[in-house]
Amino acid sequence: MSDYIFFIRGGDAYMAGLSEQEMQNHMQEWTDYMGGLGAAGKLKGGAPLGKDGTVMSGGAKAAIDGPLGGDTQVNGYVIVSAADMAEAKKLANDCPIFMADGSLEIRECLDMSG
């Protein structure tokens, strides 16, 4: 088994257009999805990310502070345990981000412990 991280991207425009009830329904879809991963013993962690942050390149001299956003911005992450990339893709298939016109990037978390 390996760990895989799902980078959750986009969905902001979709979310901005939801009514309060639709927002609650969408959040319940996330609760159900994460709960299903947990019940299957596949969920290792995950959380939404705030909009404010810093983008750095070349150290603090090149830091850009401020709100982050846009359809390519990482808005959250999920870490799952899966046998291989094929299983990770299967676990990602029902992610609610797809209902919000967003996308999901899957990357294997490499073991650096030696």
PDB file of N, CA and C in Angstrom:
ATOM      1  N   MET A   1       0.833  -1.192   0.000  1.00  0.00           N
ATOM      2  CA  MET A   1       0.000   0.000   0.000  1.00  0.00           C
ATOM      3  C   MET A   1       0.872   1.248   0.000  1.00  0.00           C
ATOM      4  N   SER A   2       0.428   2.230  -0.689  1.00  0.00           N
ATOM      5  CA  SER A   2       1.089   3.534  -0.724  1.00  0.00           C
ATOM      6  C   SER A   2       0.069   4.611  -0.387  1.00  0.00           C
ATOM      7  N   ASP A   3       0.569   5.779  -0.033  1.00  0.00           N
ATOM      8  CA  ASP A   3      -0.300   6.929   0.168  1.00  0.00           C
ATOM      9  C   ASP A   3      -0.302   7.758  -1.104  1.00  0.00           C
ATOM     10  N   TYR A   4      -1.461   8.294  -1.420  1.00  0.00           N
ATOM     11  CA  TYR A   4      -1.639   9.166  -2.570  1.00  0.00           C
ATOM     12  C   TYR A   4      -2.328  10.431  -2.103  1.00  0.00           C
ATOM     13  N   ILE A   5      -1.900  11.574  -2.644  1.00  0.00           N
ATOM     14  CA  ILE A   5      -2.538  12.836  -2.304  1.00  0.00           C
ATOM     15  C   ILE A   5      -3.352  13.312  -3.498  1.00  0.00           C
ATOM     16  N   PHE A   6      -4.562  13.732  -3.215  1.00  0.00           N
ATOM     17  CA  PHE A   6      -5.426  14.331  -4.224  1.00  0.00           C
ATOM     18  C   PHE A   6      -5.373  15.841  -4.003  1.00  0.00           C
ATOM     19  N   PHE A   7      -4.873  16.581  -4.962  1.00  0.00           N
ATOM     20  CA  PHE A   7      -4.918  18.035  -4.907  1.00  0.00           C
ATOM     21  C   PHE A   7      -6.245  18.456  -5.537  1.00  0.00           C
ATOM     22  N   ILE A   8      -7.091  19.095  -4.750  1.00  0.00           N
ATOM     23  CA  ILE A   8      -8.416  19.511  -5.200  1.00  0.00           C
ATOM     24  C   ILE A   8      -8.303  20.910  -5.779  1.00  0.00           C
ATOM     25  N   ARG A   9      -8.666  21.062  -7.037  1.00  0.00           N
ATOM     26  CA  ARG A   9      -8.502  22.339  -7.735  1.00  0.00           C
ATOM     27  C   ARG A   9      -9.846  22.883  -8.213  1.00  0.00           C
ATOM     28  N   GLY A  10      -9.974  24.206  -8.126  1.00  0.00           N
ATOM     29  CA  GLY A  10     -11.114  24.891  -8.713  1.00  0.00           C
ATOM     30  C   GLY A  10     -12.406  24.710  -7.941  1.00  0.00           C
ATOM     31  N   GLY A  11     -13.504  24.958  -8.640  1.00  0.00           N
ATOM     32  CA  GLY A  11     -14.831  24.865  -8.044  1.00  0.00           C
ATOM     33  C   GLY A  11     -15.352  26.173  -7.484  1.00  0.00           C
ATOM     34  N   ASP A  12     -14.509  27.210  -7.467  1.00  0.00           N
ATOM     35  CA  ASP A  12     -14.896  28.484  -6.858  1.00  0.00           C
ATOM     36  C   ASP A  12     -16.099  29.122  -7.551  1.00  0.00           C
ATOM     37  N   ALA A  13     -16.104  29.171  -8.866  1.00  0.00           N
ATOM     38  CA  ALA A  13     -17.208  29.802  -9.594  1.00  0.00           C
ATOM     39  C   ALA A  13     -18.509  29.048  -9.352  1.00  0.00           C
ATOM     40  N   TYR A  14     -18.437  27.738  -9.347  1.00  0.00           N
ATOM     41  CA  TYR A  14     -19.622  26.917  -9.081  1.00  0.00           C
ATOM     42  C   TYR A  14     -20.159  27.203  -7.679  1.00  0.00           C
ATOM     43  N   MET A  15     -19.262  27.206  -6.697  1.00  0.00           N
ATOM     44  CA  MET A  15     -19.671  27.403  -5.309  1.00  0.00           C
ATOM     45  C   MET A  15     -20.288  28.789  -5.104  1.00  0.00           C
ATOM     46  N   ALA A  16     -19.766  29.798  -5.775  1.00  0.00           N
ATOM     47  CA  ALA A  16     -20.270  31.161  -5.622  1.00  0.00           C
ATOM     48  C   ALA A  16     -21.714  31.288  -6.092  1.00  0.00           C
ATOM     49  N   GLY A  17     -22.131  30.415  -6.992  1.00  0.00           N
ATOM     50  CA  GLY A  17     -23.485  30.489  -7.528  1.00  0.00           C
ATOM     51  C   GLY A  17     -24.517  29.655  -6.790  1.00  0.00           C
ATOM     52  N   LEU A  18     -24.135  29.000  -5.718  1.00  0.00           N
ATOM     53  CA  LEU A  18     -25.059  28.128  -4.995  1.00  0.00           C
ATOM     54  C   LEU A  18     -25.888  28.891  -3.971  1.00  0.00           C
ATOM     55  N   SER A  19     -27.135  28.464  -3.822  1.00  0.00           N
ATOM     56  CA  SER A  19     -27.973  28.985  -2.738  1.00  0.00           C
ATOM     57  C   SER A  19     -27.490  28.381  -1.429  1.00  0.00           C
ATOM     58  N   GLU A  20     -27.991  28.868  -0.325  1.00  0.00           N
ATOM     59  CA  GLU A  20     -27.605  28.331   0.986  1.00  0.00           C
ATOM     60  C   GLU A  20     -27.917  26.841   1.074  1.00  0.00           C
ATOM     61  N   GLN A  21     -29.101  26.433   0.611  1.00  0.00           N
ATOM     62  CA  GLN A  21     -29.484  25.020   0.647  1.00  0.00           C
ATOM     63  C   GLN A  21     -28.606  24.179  -0.263  1.00  0.00           C
ATOM     64  N   GLU A  22     -28.312  24.690  -1.449  1.00  0.00           N
ATOM     65  CA  GLU A  22     -27.428  23.968  -2.373  1.00  0.00           C
ATOM     66  C   GLU A  22     -26.025  23.826  -1.785  1.00  0.00           C
ATOM     67  N   MET A  23     -25.559  24.865  -1.092  1.00  0.00           N
ATOM     68  CA  MET A  23     -24.245  24.812  -0.443  1.00  0.00           C
ATOM     69  C   MET A  23     -24.249  23.733   0.638  1.00  0.00           C
ATOM     70  N   GLN A  24     -25.297  23.673   1.442  1.00  0.00           N
ATOM     71  CA  GLN A  24     -25.402  22.640   2.472  1.00  0.00           C
ATOM     72  C   GLN A  24     -25.419  21.251   1.850  1.00  0.00           C
ATOM     73  N   ASN A  25     -26.149  21.095   0.739  1.00  0.00           N
ATOM     74  CA  ASN A  25     -26.195  19.804   0.049  1.00  0.00           C
ATOM     75  C   ASN A  25     -24.818  19.413  -0.483  1.00  0.00           C
ATOM     76  N   HIS A  26     -24.107  20.388  -1.045  1.00  0.00           N
ATOM     77  CA  HIS A  26     -22.776  20.112  -1.577  1.00  0.00           C
ATOM     78  C   HIS A  26     -21.813  19.725  -0.448  1.00  0.00           C
ATOM     79  N   MET A  27     -21.900  20.427   0.665  1.00  0.00           N
ATOM     80  CA  MET A  27     -21.033  20.101   1.798  1.00  0.00           C
ATOM     81  C   MET A  27     -21.366  18.709   2.346  1.00  0.00           C
ATOM     82  N   GLN A  28     -22.634  18.311   2.290  1.00  0.00           N
ATOM     83  CA  GLN A  28     -23.017  16.964   2.715  1.00  0.00           C
ATOM     84  C   GLN A  28     -22.422  15.918   1.776  1.00  0.00           C
ATOM     85  N   GLU A  29     -22.331  16.237   0.485  1.00  0.00           N
ATOM     86  CA  GLU A  29     -21.687  15.325  -0.466  1.00  0.00           C
ATOM     87  C   GLU A  29     -20.218  15.108  -0.081  1.00  0.00           C
ATOM     88  N   TRP A  30     -19.544  16.182   0.344  1.00  0.00           N
ATOM     89  CA  TRP A  30     -18.157  16.058   0.794  1.00  0.00           C
ATOM     90  C   TRP A  30     -18.077  15.219   2.067  1.00  0.00           C
ATOM     91  N   THR A  31     -18.983  15.466   2.995  1.00  0.00           N
ATOM     92  CA  THR A  31     -19.010  14.693   4.243  1.00  0.00           C
ATOM     93  C   THR A  31     -19.212  13.213   3.940  1.00  0.00           C
ATOM     94  N   ASP A  32     -20.134  12.915   3.046  1.00  0.00           N
ATOM     95  CA  ASP A  32     -20.406  11.527   2.666  1.00  0.00           C
ATOM     96  C   ASP A  32     -19.196  10.895   1.979  1.00  0.00           C
ATOM     97  N   TYR A  33     -18.561  11.644   1.081  1.00  0.00           N
ATOM     98  CA  TYR A  33     -17.394  11.128   0.356  1.00  0.00           C
ATOM     99  C   TYR A  33     -16.250  10.815   1.322  1.00  0.00           C
ATOM    100  N   MET A  34     -15.930  11.770   2.177  1.00  0.00           N
ATOM    101  CA  MET A  34     -14.845  11.565   3.137  1.00  0.00           C
ATOM    102  C   MET A  34     -15.196  10.454   4.121  1.00  0.00           C
ATOM    103  N   GLY A  35     -16.458  10.409   4.549  1.00  0.00           N
ATOM    104  CA  GLY A  35     -16.902   9.351   5.456  1.00  0.00           C
ATOM    105  C   GLY A  35     -16.795   7.976   4.823  1.00  0.00           C
ATOM    106  N   GLY A  36     -17.108   7.881   3.539  1.00  0.00           N
ATOM    107  CA  GLY A  36     -16.992   6.613   2.818  1.00  0.00           C
ATOM    108  C   GLY A  36     -15.551   6.156   2.721  1.00  0.00           C
ATOM    109  N   LEU A  37     -14.642   7.096   2.438  1.00  0.00           N
ATOM    110  CA  LEU A  37     -13.222   6.745   2.407  1.00  0.00           C
ATOM    111  C   LEU A  37     -12.761   6.265   3.780  1.00  0.00           C
ATOM    112  N   GLY A  38     -13.213   6.961   4.823  1.00  0.00           N
ATOM    113  CA  GLY A  38     -12.845   6.575   6.185  1.00  0.00           C
ATOM    114  C   GLY A  38     -13.381   5.208   6.556  1.00  0.00           C
ATOM    115  N   ALA A  39     -14.642   4.949   6.227  1.00  0.00           N
ATOM    116  CA  ALA A  39     -15.256   3.664   6.541  1.00  0.00           C
ATOM    117  C   ALA A  39     -14.556   2.513   5.829  1.00  0.00           C
ATOM    118  N   ALA A  40     -14.007   2.793   4.651  1.00  0.00           N
ATOM    119  CA  ALA A  40     -13.292   1.772   3.885  1.00  0.00           C
ATOM    120  C   ALA A  40     -11.839   1.626   4.348  1.00  0.00           C
ATOM    121  N   GLY A  41     -11.427   2.423   5.327  1.00  0.00           N
ATOM    122  CA  GLY A  41     -10.044   2.362   5.808  1.00  0.00           C
ATOM    123  C   GLY A  41      -9.046   2.966   4.844  1.00  0.00           C
ATOM    124  N   LYS A  42      -9.494   3.839   3.950  1.00  0.00           N
ATOM    125  CA  LYS A  42      -8.628   4.417   2.919  1.00  0.00           C
ATOM    126  C   LYS A  42      -8.200   5.847   3.218  1.00  0.00           C
ATOM    127  N   LEU A  43      -8.932   6.552   4.078  1.00  0.00           N
ATOM    128  CA  LEU A  43      -8.657   7.963   4.341  1.00  0.00           C
ATOM    129  C   LEU A  43      -7.519   8.132   5.332  1.00  0.00           C
ATOM    130  N   LYS A  44      -6.506   8.886   4.934  1.00  0.00           N
ATOM    131  CA  LYS A  44      -5.374   9.200   5.813  1.00  0.00           C
ATOM    132  C   LYS A  44      -5.465  10.633   6.336  1.00  0.00           C
ATOM    133  N   GLY A  45      -6.174  11.507   5.634  1.00  0.00           N
ATOM    134  CA  GLY A  45      -6.331  12.893   6.046  1.00  0.00           C
ATOM    135  C   GLY A  45      -6.818  13.744   4.906  1.00  0.00           C
ATOM    136  N   GLY A  46      -7.062  15.001   5.210  1.00  0.00           N
ATOM    137  CA  GLY A  46      -7.498  15.938   4.187  1.00  0.00           C
ATOM    138  C   GLY A  46      -8.160  17.140   4.816  1.00  0.00           C
ATOM    139  N   ALA A  47      -8.206  18.231   4.067  1.00  0.00           N
ATOM    140  CA  ALA A  47      -8.818  19.453   4.560  1.00  0.00           C
ATOM    141  C   ALA A  47      -8.939  20.461   3.419  1.00  0.00           C
ATOM    142  N   PRO A  48      -9.909  21.378   3.548  1.00  0.00           N
ATOM    143  CA  PRO A  48      -9.920  22.517   2.620  1.00  0.00           C
ATOM    144  C   PRO A  48      -8.786  23.465   2.997  1.00  0.00           C
ATOM    145  N   LEU A  49      -8.397  24.314   2.066  1.00  0.00           N
ATOM    146  CA  LEU A  49      -7.332  25.280   2.311  1.00  0.00           C
ATOM    147  C   LEU A  49      -7.899  26.693   2.242  1.00  0.00           C
ATOM    148  N   GLY A  50      -7.342  27.596   3.042  1.00  0.00           N
ATOM    149  CA  GLY A  50      -7.746  28.995   3.019  1.00  0.00           C
ATOM    150  C   GLY A  50      -7.336  29.670   1.723  1.00  0.00           C
ATOM    151  N   LYS A  51      -7.940  30.819   1.449  1.00  0.00           N
ATOM    152  CA  LYS A  51      -7.647  31.557   0.216  1.00  0.00           C
ATOM    153  C   LYS A  51      -6.399  32.423   0.328  1.00  0.00           C
ATOM    154  N   ASP A  52      -6.041  32.857   1.540  1.00  0.00           N
ATOM    155  CA  ASP A  52      -4.853  33.681   1.720  1.00  0.00           C
ATOM    156  C   ASP A  52      -3.630  32.799   1.815  1.00  0.00           C
ATOM    157  N   GLY A  53      -2.534  33.267   1.278  1.00  0.00           N
ATOM    158  CA  GLY A  53      -1.311  32.489   1.326  1.00  0.00           C
ATOM    159  C   GLY A  53      -0.155  33.269   0.741  1.00  0.00           C
ATOM    160  N   THR A  54       0.931  32.593   0.547  1.00  0.00           N
ATOM    161  CA  THR A  54       2.134  33.179  -0.016  1.00  0.00           C
ATOM    162  C   THR A  54       2.685  32.239  -1.074  1.00  0.00           C
ATOM    163  N   VAL A  55       3.038  32.794  -2.197  1.00  0.00           N
ATOM    164  CA  VAL A  55       3.721  32.036  -3.242  1.00  0.00           C
ATOM    165  C   VAL A  55       5.175  32.488  -3.226  1.00  0.00           C
ATOM    166  N   MET A  56       6.088  31.538  -3.070  1.00  0.00           N
ATOM    167  CA  MET A  56       7.511  31.867  -2.978  1.00  0.00           C
ATOM    168  C   MET A  56       8.293  31.185  -4.086  1.00  0.00           C
ATOM    169  N   SER A  57       9.275  31.913  -4.582  1.00  0.00           N
ATOM    170  CA  SER A  57      10.262  31.331  -5.488  1.00  0.00           C
ATOM    171  C   SER A  57      11.565  32.062  -5.242  1.00  0.00           C
ATOM    172  N   GLY A  58      12.629  31.332  -5.107  1.00  0.00           N
ATOM    173  CA  GLY A  58      13.915  31.963  -4.847  1.00  0.00           C
ATOM    174  C   GLY A  58      14.032  32.576  -3.460  1.00  0.00           C
ATOM    175  N   GLY A  59      13.247  32.113  -2.514  1.00  0.00           N
ATOM    176  CA  GLY A  59      13.326  32.624  -1.144  1.00  0.00           C
ATOM    177  C   GLY A  59      12.376  33.774  -0.888  1.00  0.00           C
ATOM    178  N   ALA A  60      12.490  34.369   0.297  1.00  0.00           N
ATOM    179  CA  ALA A  60      11.561  35.411   0.745  1.00  0.00           C
ATOM    180  C   ALA A  60      11.586  36.655  -0.139  1.00  0.00           C
ATOM    181  N   LYS A  61      12.683  36.911  -0.841  1.00  0.00           N
ATOM    182  CA  LYS A  61      12.761  38.105  -1.685  1.00  0.00           C
ATOM    183  C   LYS A  61      11.756  38.052  -2.840  1.00  0.00           C
ATOM    184  N   ALA A  62      11.358  36.862  -3.235  1.00  0.00           N
ATOM    185  CA  ALA A  62      10.441  36.718  -4.357  1.00  0.00           C
ATOM    186  C   ALA A  62       9.050  36.286  -3.908  1.00  0.00           C
ATOM    187  N   ALA A  63       8.709  36.491  -2.632  1.00  0.00           N
ATOM    188  CA  ALA A  63       7.417  36.077  -2.100  1.00  0.00           C
ATOM    189  C   ALA A  63       6.316  37.028  -2.550  1.00  0.00           C
ATOM    190  N   ILE A  64       5.177  36.448  -2.898  1.00  0.00           N
ATOM    191  CA  ILE A  64       3.981  37.221  -3.251  1.00  0.00           C
ATOM    192  C   ILE A  64       2.901  36.824  -2.256  1.00  0.00           C
ATOM    193  N   ASP A  65       2.476  37.761  -1.416  1.00  0.00           N
ATOM    194  CA  ASP A  65       1.445  37.502  -0.426  1.00  0.00           C
ATOM    195  C   ASP A  65       0.094  37.941  -0.963  1.00  0.00           C
ATOM    196  N   GLY A  66      -0.950  37.287  -0.474  1.00  0.00           N
ATOM    197  CA  GLY A  66      -2.290  37.742  -0.820  1.00  0.00           C
ATOM    198  C   GLY A  66      -3.255  36.609  -1.006  1.00  0.00           C
ATOM    199  N   PRO A  67      -4.463  36.963  -1.403  1.00  0.00           N
ATOM    200  CA  PRO A  67      -5.463  35.921  -1.634  1.00  0.00           C
ATOM    201  C   PRO A  67      -5.097  35.103  -2.862  1.00  0.00           C
ATOM    202  N   LEU A  68      -5.272  33.819  -2.748  1.00  0.00           N
ATOM    203  CA  LEU A  68      -5.027  32.919  -3.863  1.00  0.00           C
ATOM    204  C   LEU A  68      -6.379  32.493  -4.415  1.00  0.00           C
ATOM    205  N   GLY A  69      -6.452  32.131  -5.650  1.00  0.00           N
ATOM    206  CA  GLY A  69      -7.733  31.717  -6.211  1.00  0.00           C
ATOM    207  C   GLY A  69      -7.604  31.338  -7.659  1.00  0.00           C
ATOM    208  N   GLY A  70      -8.723  31.104  -8.266  1.00  0.00           N
ATOM    209  CA  GLY A  70      -8.764  30.722  -9.664  1.00  0.00           C
ATOM    210  C   GLY A  70      -9.023  29.230  -9.815  1.00  0.00           C
ATOM    211  N   ASP A  71      -9.390  28.845 -11.008  1.00  0.00           N
ATOM    212  CA  ASP A  71      -9.776  27.461 -11.256  1.00  0.00           C
ATOM    213  C   ASP A  71      -8.612  26.484 -11.244  1.00  0.00           C
ATOM    214  N   THR A  72      -7.379  26.956 -11.230  1.00  0.00           N
ATOM    215  CA  THR A  72      -6.244  26.046 -11.155  1.00  0.00           C
ATOM    216  C   THR A  72      -5.624  26.021  -9.764  1.00  0.00           C
ATOM    217  N   GLN A  73      -6.129  26.850  -8.869  1.00  0.00           N
ATOM    218  CA  GLN A  73      -5.597  26.944  -7.518  1.00  0.00           C
ATOM    219  C   GLN A  73      -5.960  25.712  -6.703  1.00  0.00           C
ATOM    220  N   VAL A  74      -5.038  25.227  -5.904  1.00  0.00           N
ATOM    221  CA  VAL A  74      -5.313  24.112  -5.000  1.00  0.00           C
ATOM    222  C   VAL A  74      -6.175  24.649  -3.855  1.00  0.00           C
ATOM    223  N   ASN A  75      -7.376  24.107  -3.704  1.00  0.00           N
ATOM    224  CA  ASN A  75      -8.313  24.548  -2.678  1.00  0.00           C
ATOM    225  C   ASN A  75      -8.454  23.548  -1.540  1.00  0.00           C
ATOM    226  N   GLY A  76      -7.820  22.396  -1.652  1.00  0.00           N
ATOM    227  CA  GLY A  76      -7.883  21.400  -0.598  1.00  0.00           C
ATOM    228  C   GLY A  76      -7.092  20.172  -1.000  1.00  0.00           C
ATOM    229  N   TYR A  77      -7.046  19.220  -0.081  1.00  0.00           N
ATOM    230  CA  TYR A  77      -6.323  17.985  -0.358  1.00  0.00           C
ATOM    231  C   TYR A  77      -6.977  16.838   0.394  1.00  0.00           C
ATOM    232  N   VAL A  78      -6.769  15.646  -0.127  1.00  0.00           N
ATOM    233  CA  VAL A  78      -7.198  14.403   0.509  1.00  0.00           C
ATOM    234  C   VAL A  78      -6.030  13.439   0.368  1.00  0.00           C
ATOM    235  N   ILE A  79      -5.706  12.726   1.440  1.00  0.00           N
ATOM    236  CA  ILE A  79      -4.657  11.705   1.371  1.00  0.00           C
ATOM    237  C   ILE A  79      -5.319  10.359   1.610  1.00  0.00           C
ATOM    238  N   VAL A  80      -5.092   9.440   0.685  1.00  0.00           N
ATOM    239  CA  VAL A  80      -5.679   8.100   0.777  1.00  0.00           C
ATOM    240  C   VAL A  80      -4.591   7.042   0.733  1.00  0.00           C
ATOM    241  N   SER A  81      -4.934   5.868   1.200  1.00  0.00           N
ATOM    242  CA  SER A  81      -4.069   4.701   1.104  1.00  0.00           C
ATOM    243  C   SER A  81      -4.639   3.825  -0.007  1.00  0.00           C
ATOM    244  N   ALA A  82      -3.794   3.452  -0.960  1.00  0.00           N
ATOM    245  CA  ALA A  82      -4.246   2.644  -2.090  1.00  0.00           C
ATOM    246  C   ALA A  82      -3.136   1.696  -2.526  1.00  0.00           C
ATOM    247  N   ALA A  83      -3.527   0.593  -3.125  1.00  0.00           N
ATOM    248  CA  ALA A  83      -2.569  -0.407  -3.588  1.00  0.00           C
ATOM    249  C   ALA A  83      -1.693   0.126  -4.719  1.00  0.00           C
ATOM    250  N   ASP A  84      -2.281   0.966  -5.575  1.00  0.00           N
ATOM    251  CA  ASP A  84      -1.564   1.493  -6.731  1.00  0.00           C
ATOM    252  C   ASP A  84      -2.340   2.674  -7.299  1.00  0.00           C
ATOM    253  N   MET A  85      -1.816   3.274  -8.366  1.00  0.00           N
ATOM    254  CA  MET A  85      -2.455   4.432  -8.987  1.00  0.00           C
ATOM    255  C   MET A  85      -3.852   4.095  -9.491  1.00  0.00           C
ATOM    256  N   ALA A  86      -4.042   2.888  -9.988  1.00  0.00           N
ATOM    257  CA  ALA A  86      -5.364   2.489 -10.485  1.00  0.00           C
ATOM    258  C   ALA A  86      -6.400   2.544  -9.364  1.00  0.00           C
ATOM    259  N   GLU A  87      -6.047   2.058  -8.180  1.00  0.00           N
ATOM    260  CA  GLU A  87      -6.986   2.120  -7.065  1.00  0.00           C
ATOM    261  C   GLU A  87      -7.185   3.558  -6.613  1.00  0.00           C
ATOM    262  N   ALA A  88      -6.123   4.360  -6.607  1.00  0.00           N
ATOM    263  CA  ALA A  88      -6.251   5.768  -6.239  1.00  0.00           C
ATOM    264  C   ALA A  88      -7.224   6.483  -7.174  1.00  0.00           C
ATOM    265  N   LYS A  89      -7.136   6.202  -8.481  1.00  0.00           N
ATOM    266  CA  LYS A  89      -8.062   6.791  -9.451  1.00  0.00           C
ATOM    267  C   LYS A  89      -9.493   6.363  -9.153  1.00  0.00           C
ATOM    268  N   LYS A  90      -9.674   5.107  -8.802  1.00  0.00           N
ATOM    269  CA  LYS A  90     -11.010   4.610  -8.478  1.00  0.00           C
ATOM    270  C   LYS A  90     -11.572   5.332  -7.253  1.00  0.00           C
ATOM    271  N   LEU A  91     -10.730   5.550  -6.233  1.00  0.00           N
ATOM    272  CA  LEU A  91     -11.166   6.259  -5.036  1.00  0.00           C
ATOM    273  C   LEU A  91     -11.500   7.717  -5.340  1.00  0.00           C
ATOM    274  N   ALA A  92     -10.801   8.308  -6.291  1.00  0.00           N
ATOM    275  CA  ALA A  92     -11.031   9.707  -6.657  1.00  0.00           C
ATOM    276  C   ALA A  92     -12.268   9.891  -7.527  1.00  0.00           C
ATOM    277  N   ASN A  93     -12.717   8.838  -8.156  1.00  0.00           N
ATOM    278  CA  ASN A  93     -13.784   8.920  -9.144  1.00  0.00           C
ATOM    279  C   ASN A  93     -15.059   9.579  -8.632  1.00  0.00           C
ATOM    280  N   ASP A  94     -15.406   9.398  -7.371  1.00  0.00           N
ATOM    281  CA  ASP A  94     -16.647   9.936  -6.813  1.00  0.00           C
ATOM    282  C   ASP A  94     -16.444  11.245  -6.056  1.00  0.00           C
ATOM    283  N   CYS A  95     -15.293  11.873  -6.202  1.00  0.00           N
ATOM    284  CA  CYS A  95     -15.010  13.115  -5.483  1.00  0.00           C
ATOM    285  C   CYS A  95     -15.999  14.211  -5.900  1.00  0.00           C
ATOM    286  N   PRO A  96     -16.590  14.910  -4.934  1.00  0.00           N
ATOM    287  CA  PRO A  96     -17.556  15.965  -5.244  1.00  0.00           C
ATOM    288  C   PRO A  96     -16.995  17.147  -6.030  1.00  0.00           C
ATOM    289  N   ILE A  97     -15.693  17.287  -6.149  1.00  0.00           N
ATOM    290  CA  ILE A  97     -15.151  18.411  -6.913  1.00  0.00           C
ATOM    291  C   ILE A  97     -15.584  18.347  -8.367  1.00  0.00           C
ATOM    292  N   PHE A  98     -15.827  17.148  -8.863  1.00  0.00           N
ATOM    293  CA  PHE A  98     -16.242  17.011 -10.262  1.00  0.00           C
ATOM    294  C   PHE A  98     -17.628  17.594 -10.495  1.00  0.00           C
ATOM    295  N   MET A  99     -18.491  17.564  -9.468  1.00  0.00           N
ATOM    296  CA  MET A  99     -19.821  18.173  -9.565  1.00  0.00           C
ATOM    297  C   MET A  99     -19.718  19.700  -9.564  1.00  0.00           C
ATOM    298  N   ALA A 100     -18.587  20.231  -9.101  1.00  0.00           N
ATOM    299  CA  ALA A 100     -18.384  21.676  -8.996  1.00  0.00           C
ATOM    300  C   ALA A 100     -17.510  22.204 -10.132  1.00  0.00           C
ATOM    301  N   ASP A 101     -17.407  21.454 -11.220  1.00  0.00           N
ATOM    302  CA  ASP A 101     -16.601  21.842 -12.376  1.00  0.00           C
ATOM    303  C   ASP A 101     -15.128  22.047 -12.032  1.00  0.00           C
ATOM    304  N   GLY A 102     -14.651  21.355 -10.988  1.00  0.00           N
ATOM    305  CA  GLY A 102     -13.257  21.424 -10.609  1.00  0.00           C
ATOM    306  C   GLY A 102     -12.497  20.217 -11.115  1.00  0.00           C
ATOM    307  N   SER A 103     -11.257  20.117 -10.692  1.00  0.00           N
ATOM    308  CA  SER A 103     -10.431  18.998 -11.113  1.00  0.00           C
ATOM    309  C   SER A 103      -9.655  18.465  -9.920  1.00  0.00           C
ATOM    310  N   LEU A 104      -9.001  17.361 -10.134  1.00  0.00           N
ATOM    311  CA  LEU A 104      -8.279  16.678  -9.074  1.00  0.00           C
ATOM    312  C   LEU A 104      -6.990  16.125  -9.663  1.00  0.00           C
ATOM    313  N   GLU A 105      -5.893  16.386  -8.993  1.00  0.00           N
ATOM    314  CA  GLU A 105      -4.587  15.848  -9.399  1.00  0.00           C
ATOM    315  C   GLU A 105      -4.179  14.797  -8.378  1.00  0.00           C
ATOM    316  N   ILE A 106      -3.746  13.648  -8.843  1.00  0.00           N
ATOM    317  CA  ILE A 106      -3.324  12.560  -7.952  1.00  0.00           C
ATOM    318  C   ILE A 106      -1.814  12.412  -8.060  1.00  0.00           C
ATOM    319  N   ARG A 107      -1.155  12.382  -6.892  1.00  0.00           N
ATOM    320  CA  ARG A 107       0.286  12.160  -6.852  1.00  0.00           C
ATOM    321  C   ARG A 107       0.592  11.161  -5.755  1.00  0.00           C
ATOM    322  N   GLU A 108       1.514  10.259  -6.009  1.00  0.00           N
ATOM    323  CA  GLU A 108       1.954   9.322  -4.985  1.00  0.00           C
ATOM    324  C   GLU A 108       2.845  10.043  -3.979  1.00  0.00           C
ATOM    325  N   CYS A 109       2.641   9.772  -2.705  1.00  0.00           N
ATOM    326  CA  CYS A 109       3.502  10.307  -1.637  1.00  0.00           C
ATOM    327  C   CYS A 109       4.653   9.316  -1.472  1.00  0.00           C
ATOM    328  N   LEU A 110       5.839   9.744  -1.803  1.00  0.00           N
ATOM    329  CA  LEU A 110       7.005   8.867  -1.773  1.00  0.00           C
ATOM    330  C   LEU A 110       7.545   8.750  -0.350  1.00  0.00           C
ATOM    331  N   ASP A 111       8.005   7.581   0.006  1.00  0.00           N
ATOM    332  CA  ASP A 111       8.565   7.331   1.322  1.00  0.00           C
ATOM    333  C   ASP A 111      10.028   7.772   1.337  1.00  0.00           C
ATOM    334  N   MET A 112      10.344   8.731   2.182  1.00  0.00           N
ATOM    335  CA  MET A 112      11.700   9.262   2.258  1.00  0.00           C
ATOM    336  C   MET A 112      12.421   8.802   3.524  1.00  0.00           C
ATOM    337  N   SER A 113      11.845   7.802   4.223  1.00  0.00           N
ATOM    338  CA  SER A 113      12.417   7.382   5.497  1.00  0.00           C
ATOM    339  C   SER A 113      13.659   6.520   5.328  1.00  0.00           C
ATOM    340  N   GLY A 114      13.912   6.058   4.131  1.00  0.00           N
ATOM    341  CA  GLY A 114      15.136   5.309   3.890  1.00  0.00           C
ATOM    342  C   GLY A 114      14.905   3.894   3.853  1.00  0.00           C
TER     343      GLY A 114
END
